[in-house]
N, C-alpha and C. Protein backbone atom coordinates (compact mmCIF):
# COMPACT_ATOMS: atom_id res chain seq x y z
N MET A 1 86.82 116.92 138.47
CA MET A 1 88.25 115.92 137.99
C MET A 1 87.88 115.09 136.97
N ALA A 2 89.26 115.51 136.16
CA ALA A 2 88.87 114.49 135.25
C ALA A 2 88.72 112.95 135.25
N LYS A 3 87.94 112.62 133.92
CA LYS A 3 88.23 111.11 134.37
C LYS A 3 89.27 110.47 133.87
N VAL A 4 89.95 109.89 134.02
CA VAL A 4 91.59 108.51 134.09
C VAL A 4 91.11 107.12 133.41
N VAL A 5 91.64 107.11 132.54
CA VAL A 5 91.49 105.28 131.91
C VAL A 5 92.83 105.16 131.67
N ASP A 6 93.13 103.97 132.20
CA ASP A 6 94.40 103.36 131.98
C ASP A 6 94.11 102.66 130.56
N ILE A 7 95.11 102.61 129.79
CA ILE A 7 95.19 101.58 129.00
C ILE A 7 96.39 100.84 128.34
N THR A 8 97.26 101.18 129.71
CA THR A 8 98.65 100.04 129.60
C THR A 8 98.65 98.98 128.77
N GLU A 9 97.21 98.11 129.66
CA GLU A 9 97.87 96.68 129.90
C GLU A 9 97.09 96.61 127.92
N LYS A 10 96.52 97.67 127.08
CA LYS A 10 96.00 97.34 126.07
C LYS A 10 97.05 97.62 125.14
N LEU A 11 98.04 98.19 125.20
CA LEU A 11 99.06 98.43 124.32
C LEU A 11 100.48 97.36 124.42
N ASN A 12 101.49 96.95 123.54
CA ASN A 12 101.97 95.78 123.10
C ASN A 12 103.10 97.36 123.04
N PHE A 13 104.38 96.41 124.34
CA PHE A 13 105.58 97.01 124.72
C PHE A 13 107.00 95.84 124.29
N GLU A 14 106.02 94.90 123.83
CA GLU A 14 107.39 93.82 123.15
C GLU A 14 108.05 94.34 122.42
N GLU A 15 108.68 93.12 121.92
CA GLU A 15 109.60 93.28 120.57
C GLU A 15 108.87 93.31 119.75
N SER A 16 109.86 94.05 118.65
CA SER A 16 109.17 94.68 117.21
C SER A 16 108.73 93.16 116.61
N PRO A 17 108.03 93.17 115.72
CA PRO A 17 107.83 91.88 114.87
C PRO A 17 108.88 91.48 114.09
N LYS A 18 108.88 90.31 113.29
CA LYS A 18 109.93 89.38 112.90
C LYS A 18 109.56 88.99 111.45
N LEU A 19 110.52 88.94 110.54
CA LEU A 19 110.14 88.57 109.57
C LEU A 19 111.29 87.07 109.20
N LYS A 20 110.74 86.49 108.16
CA LYS A 20 111.53 84.68 108.64
C LYS A 20 112.16 84.70 106.85
N ILE A 21 113.54 84.95 106.70
CA ILE A 21 113.65 84.51 105.03
C ILE A 21 114.52 83.15 105.00
N LYS A 22 114.47 82.33 104.59
CA LYS A 22 115.44 81.28 104.71
C LYS A 22 115.86 81.17 105.78
N GLY A 23 115.37 81.22 107.08
CA GLY A 23 115.76 80.79 107.99
C GLY A 23 116.32 81.91 109.15
N LYS A 24 116.44 82.72 108.47
CA LYS A 24 117.17 84.46 108.70
C LYS A 24 115.54 85.64 109.27
N GLU A 25 116.02 85.53 110.60
CA GLU A 25 114.81 86.70 111.28
C GLU A 25 115.08 87.53 111.32
N LEU A 26 114.25 88.77 110.55
CA LEU A 26 114.76 90.46 110.63
C LEU A 26 113.41 90.73 111.42
N THR A 27 113.99 91.67 112.05
CA THR A 27 113.27 92.60 112.69
C THR A 27 112.47 93.70 112.04
N VAL A 28 111.47 93.86 112.11
CA VAL A 28 110.72 95.03 111.79
C VAL A 28 110.73 96.20 111.99
N ASN A 29 110.66 97.58 111.80
CA ASN A 29 110.34 98.47 112.94
C ASN A 29 109.19 98.72 112.69
N ASP A 30 108.55 99.02 114.10
CA ASP A 30 107.21 98.96 113.91
C ASP A 30 106.63 100.37 114.27
N ASP A 31 107.73 101.01 115.22
CA ASP A 31 106.97 102.52 115.66
C ASP A 31 105.90 102.88 115.04
N ALA A 32 105.09 103.46 114.94
CA ALA A 32 103.71 104.31 114.49
C ALA A 32 104.34 105.54 114.12
N PRO A 33 105.52 106.32 114.30
CA PRO A 33 105.66 107.28 112.80
C PRO A 33 106.78 106.59 111.93
N THR A 34 107.35 105.36 112.39
CA THR A 34 107.59 105.09 110.81
C THR A 34 106.91 104.34 109.98
N MET A 35 105.39 104.08 110.78
CA MET A 35 104.87 103.33 110.31
C MET A 35 103.84 104.42 109.07
N LEU A 36 103.22 105.03 109.83
CA LEU A 36 103.00 106.26 109.32
C LEU A 36 103.67 106.96 107.85
N LYS A 37 104.90 107.10 107.77
CA LYS A 37 105.96 107.67 106.57
C LYS A 37 105.71 106.40 105.52
N VAL A 38 106.03 104.91 106.31
CA VAL A 38 105.70 104.16 105.10
C VAL A 38 104.32 104.25 104.71
N MET A 39 103.17 103.79 105.28
CA MET A 39 101.95 103.76 104.80
C MET A 39 101.53 104.93 103.52
N GLN A 40 102.68 106.13 104.22
CA GLN A 40 101.83 107.14 103.12
C GLN A 40 102.93 107.00 102.30
N LEU A 41 104.02 106.69 101.83
CA LEU A 41 105.13 106.08 101.27
C LEU A 41 104.15 104.55 99.72
N MET A 42 103.43 104.81 100.37
CA MET A 42 103.25 102.76 99.75
C MET A 42 101.91 103.14 99.52
N GLY A 43 101.11 104.58 99.51
CA GLY A 43 99.59 104.58 99.43
C GLY A 43 99.73 104.59 97.37
N GLY A 44 98.90 104.07 97.16
CA GLY A 44 98.62 103.95 95.81
C GLY A 44 99.92 103.36 94.44
N GLU A 45 100.68 103.71 93.70
CA GLU A 45 101.32 103.15 93.08
C GLU A 45 102.65 103.79 93.34
N ALA A 46 103.69 103.12 94.20
CA ALA A 46 104.98 103.41 95.18
C ALA A 46 105.79 103.22 93.52
N SER A 47 106.86 104.45 93.27
CA SER A 47 107.77 104.56 92.71
C SER A 47 108.48 103.97 93.61
N ILE A 48 110.15 103.36 92.79
CA ILE A 48 111.33 102.59 93.35
C ILE A 48 112.15 103.79 94.17
N ASN A 49 112.22 104.95 94.27
CA ASN A 49 111.87 105.78 95.35
C ASN A 49 111.39 105.52 96.54
N GLU A 50 110.36 105.51 96.30
CA GLU A 50 109.59 105.46 97.36
C GLU A 50 109.74 103.57 98.14
N ILE A 51 109.54 102.96 97.02
CA ILE A 51 109.54 101.72 97.77
C ILE A 51 111.21 101.38 98.43
N THR A 52 112.07 102.20 98.26
CA THR A 52 113.54 102.26 98.60
C THR A 52 113.57 102.71 100.06
N GLN A 53 112.35 104.03 100.50
CA GLN A 53 112.50 104.76 101.35
C GLN A 53 112.15 104.04 102.34
N ALA A 54 110.76 103.31 101.81
CA ALA A 54 109.92 102.45 102.77
C ALA A 54 110.94 101.14 103.38
N TYR A 55 111.37 100.32 102.26
CA TYR A 55 112.58 99.94 102.96
C TYR A 55 113.46 100.38 104.20
N GLU A 56 114.18 101.42 103.68
CA GLU A 56 114.93 101.65 104.82
C GLU A 56 114.36 102.49 106.13
N LEU A 57 113.10 102.47 105.95
CA LEU A 57 112.64 102.95 107.23
C LEU A 57 111.95 101.70 108.13
N MET A 58 111.53 100.58 107.35
CA MET A 58 111.43 99.05 108.16
C MET A 58 112.30 98.73 109.07
N PHE A 59 113.79 98.58 107.83
CA PHE A 59 114.57 97.46 108.09
C PHE A 59 116.33 98.61 108.40
N GLY A 60 116.79 97.51 109.62
CA GLY A 60 117.11 98.91 110.23
C GLY A 60 119.11 98.24 109.43
N GLU A 61 119.81 98.88 109.60
CA GLU A 61 120.98 98.77 108.55
C GLU A 61 121.75 96.80 109.05
N LYS A 62 121.46 96.69 109.65
CA LYS A 62 122.05 94.76 110.14
C LYS A 62 120.48 93.67 108.92
N GLU A 63 119.24 94.42 109.10
CA GLU A 63 118.31 93.39 108.68
C GLU A 63 118.74 93.85 107.24
N ARG A 64 119.37 94.68 106.62
CA ARG A 64 119.50 95.81 105.24
C ARG A 64 120.50 94.55 104.53
N LYS A 65 121.74 94.11 105.44
CA LYS A 65 122.88 93.72 104.70
C LYS A 65 122.16 92.38 105.00
N THR A 66 121.34 91.75 106.17
CA THR A 66 121.28 90.36 105.75
C THR A 66 120.23 90.28 104.41
N ILE A 67 119.47 90.93 104.04
CA ILE A 67 118.02 91.06 102.93
C ILE A 67 119.04 91.22 101.56
N GLU A 68 120.21 92.35 101.86
CA GLU A 68 121.15 92.27 100.18
C GLU A 68 121.86 91.17 100.20
N SER A 69 122.32 90.30 101.32
CA SER A 69 123.08 89.08 101.13
C SER A 69 121.96 87.63 100.69
N LEU A 70 121.12 88.11 100.61
CA LEU A 70 120.22 87.03 99.66
C LEU A 70 120.09 86.85 98.41
N GLY A 71 120.49 87.79 97.66
CA GLY A 71 120.27 88.20 96.18
C GLY A 71 118.89 88.15 95.77
N LEU A 72 117.75 88.65 96.31
CA LEU A 72 116.98 88.50 96.07
C LEU A 72 116.83 89.60 94.61
N ASN A 73 115.41 88.92 93.61
CA ASN A 73 115.87 89.53 92.29
C ASN A 73 114.39 90.53 93.09
N PHE A 74 114.24 91.52 91.82
CA PHE A 74 113.09 92.63 92.02
C PHE A 74 111.55 92.51 92.81
N ASN A 75 111.50 91.36 92.08
CA ASN A 75 110.20 90.94 92.70
C ASN A 75 110.21 90.43 93.39
N ASP A 76 110.70 89.74 94.27
CA ASP A 76 111.38 88.86 95.66
C ASP A 76 111.31 90.09 96.66
N PHE A 77 112.20 91.29 95.82
CA PHE A 77 112.75 92.31 97.51
C PHE A 77 111.46 93.48 97.24
N VAL A 78 110.31 93.44 96.28
CA VAL A 78 108.84 94.47 96.54
C VAL A 78 108.14 93.11 98.04
N ILE A 79 108.02 91.96 97.29
CA ILE A 79 107.52 91.23 98.21
C ILE A 79 107.78 90.90 99.96
N VAL A 80 109.02 91.53 99.70
CA VAL A 80 109.75 91.53 101.52
C VAL A 80 108.87 92.71 101.93
N ILE A 81 108.76 94.18 100.73
CA ILE A 81 108.13 95.41 101.46
C ILE A 81 106.87 95.14 101.47
N GLN A 82 106.43 94.36 100.71
CA GLN A 82 105.01 94.22 100.86
C GLN A 82 105.01 93.48 102.34
N SER A 83 104.93 92.25 102.37
CA SER A 83 105.44 91.30 103.07
C SER A 83 105.44 92.30 104.83
N ALA A 84 106.40 92.82 104.96
CA ALA A 84 106.72 94.06 106.31
C ALA A 84 105.49 94.82 106.43
N VAL A 85 105.20 95.66 105.79
CA VAL A 85 103.46 96.39 105.60
C VAL A 85 102.97 95.28 105.99
N GLU A 86 102.42 94.86 105.32
CA GLU A 86 101.47 93.26 105.72
C GLU A 86 100.93 92.96 107.43
N LEU A 87 102.98 92.38 107.97
CA LEU A 87 102.86 92.14 109.18
C LEU A 87 102.46 93.14 110.16
N ILE A 88 102.87 94.33 110.07
CA ILE A 88 102.73 95.57 111.09
C ILE A 88 101.16 95.49 110.68
N THR A 89 100.86 96.15 109.62
CA THR A 89 99.62 96.48 109.65
C THR A 89 98.35 95.48 109.97
N GLY A 90 99.05 94.44 110.17
CA GLY A 90 97.44 93.23 110.26
C GLY A 90 96.54 92.49 109.56
N GLU A 91 97.33 92.95 108.36
CA GLU A 91 96.39 92.79 107.29
C GLU A 91 97.47 90.89 106.74
N THR A 92 98.05 90.65 107.58
CA THR A 92 98.53 89.16 106.22
C THR A 92 97.64 88.38 106.92
N ALA A 93 98.00 87.13 105.72
CA ALA A 93 96.87 86.38 105.70
C ALA A 93 97.81 84.70 106.38
N GLY A 94 98.47 84.31 106.62
CA GLY A 94 99.26 84.02 107.22
C GLY A 94 100.23 84.05 107.61
N GLU A 95 101.32 82.30 107.44
CA GLU A 95 102.38 82.81 108.01
C GLU A 95 103.68 81.89 106.50
């Protein structure tokens, strides 16, 4: 008989992580298939098209409307995308 190891307690089935911008919490899609796609897009020098694709993968329509309502400049927009990736991958240094 094969050995069975239950890892359920090691897995996180809780809510997705959130970024907070100007008091608004934005849920970041952190499911594995989405993040694998995002990491592939963001590997190396990302093009505008790749940044846009990553944005659409990581943020749902509601979150995208909230982000768009903030009127961010492009550099700040890229910071939001990078921060979301760091949040998911655990590479963020702090809050």
